[in-house]
Amino acid sequence: MFMRKIHRDIAKETGRTDAREHFERFRDYHMAIGSWSWDWTEAWRNWCLKSVEFERREAPAREGTRA
C-alpha cells in the first residue's frame, strides 16, 4: 500500500497535518493484523476522521493532567 495524492488530499481535508506519518501508522497497523478492505481509500478516510475525533476527546484529559 503506497500513499497517493488522494490519501494526502483526504488527510488535508480532515485536518491531518502529518499525513505521511499517519499513513505509515495506518498501513503498518492494517498489515500487522492482516486487514482486508474492498475500499482502502474509504478506510483511510475513516482512519483520518476517527483520529481527529480521538485527539479532540483526549485533549481536555491531557490538559487536565498538567501541573
Protein backbone atom coordinates (compact mmCIF):
# COMPACT_ATOMS: atom_id res chain seq x y z
CA MET A 1 0.00 0.00 0.00
CA PHE A 2 1.51 3.30 -1.09
CA MET A 3 0.47 6.83 -0.27
CA ARG A 4 -1.05 8.58 -3.27
CA LYS A 5 -2.28 12.10 -3.87
CA ILE A 6 -5.83 11.10 -2.89
CA HIS A 7 -4.52 10.00 0.50
CA ARG A 8 -2.74 13.34 1.04
CA ASP A 9 -5.90 15.18 -0.03
CA ILE A 10 -8.06 13.21 2.41
CA ALA A 11 -5.60 13.87 5.23
CA LYS A 12 -5.64 17.58 4.46
CA GLU A 13 -9.44 17.82 4.25
CA THR A 14 -9.82 16.02 7.59
CA GLY A 15 -7.32 18.28 9.34
CA ARG A 16 -4.29 15.97 9.42
CA THR A 17 -1.06 17.92 9.05
CA ASP A 18 1.15 14.84 9.47
CA ALA A 19 -0.19 12.83 6.53
CA ARG A 20 2.93 10.77 5.80
CA GLU A 21 3.45 9.68 9.42
CA HIS A 22 -0.24 8.97 9.87
CA PHE A 23 -0.44 6.96 6.66
CA GLU A 24 2.53 4.85 7.77
CA ARG A 25 0.73 4.08 11.06
CA PHE A 26 -2.44 3.19 9.13
CA ARG A 27 -0.54 0.91 6.75
CA ASP A 28 1.56 -0.74 9.48
CA TYR A 29 -1.47 -1.33 11.69
CA HIS A 30 -3.51 -2.99 8.95
CA MET A 31 -0.58 -5.05 7.71
CA ALA A 32 0.16 -6.26 11.25
CA ILE A 33 -3.38 -7.51 11.85
CA GLY A 34 -3.95 -8.76 8.30
CA SER A 35 -6.82 -6.43 7.48
CA TRP A 36 -8.61 -6.64 4.17
CA SER A 37 -10.87 -3.99 2.66
CA TRP A 38 -12.86 -3.51 -0.52
CA ASP A 39 -12.01 0.18 -0.44
CA TRP A 40 -8.74 1.19 1.22
CA THR A 41 -9.31 4.84 0.31
CA GLU A 42 -12.50 4.92 2.38
CA ALA A 43 -10.77 3.01 5.17
CA TRP A 44 -8.09 5.73 5.13
CA ARG A 45 -10.73 8.48 5.20
CA ASN A 46 -12.38 6.84 8.22
CA TRP A 47 -8.99 6.44 9.96
CA CYS A 48 -8.29 10.17 9.49
CA LEU A 49 -11.72 11.24 10.70
CA LYS A 50 -11.56 8.97 13.75
CA SER A 51 -8.04 10.11 14.66
CA VAL A 52 -9.12 13.75 14.68
CA GLU A 53 -12.15 12.79 16.80
CA PHE A 54 -9.99 10.82 19.27
CA GLU A 55 -7.48 13.66 19.58
CA ARG A 56 -10.27 16.12 20.39
CA ARG A 57 -11.60 13.81 23.09
CA GLU A 58 -8.17 13.23 24.61
CA ALA A 59 -7.03 16.87 24.56
CA PRO A 60 -9.06 18.01 27.63
CA ALA A 61 -7.87 14.98 29.60
CA ARG A 62 -4.24 15.74 28.79
CA GLU A 63 -4.66 19.42 29.66
CA GLY A 64 -6.25 18.48 32.99
CA THR A 65 -3.24 16.38 33.98
CA ARG A 66 -0.72 19.21 33.69
CA ALA A 67 0.70 20.57 36.91
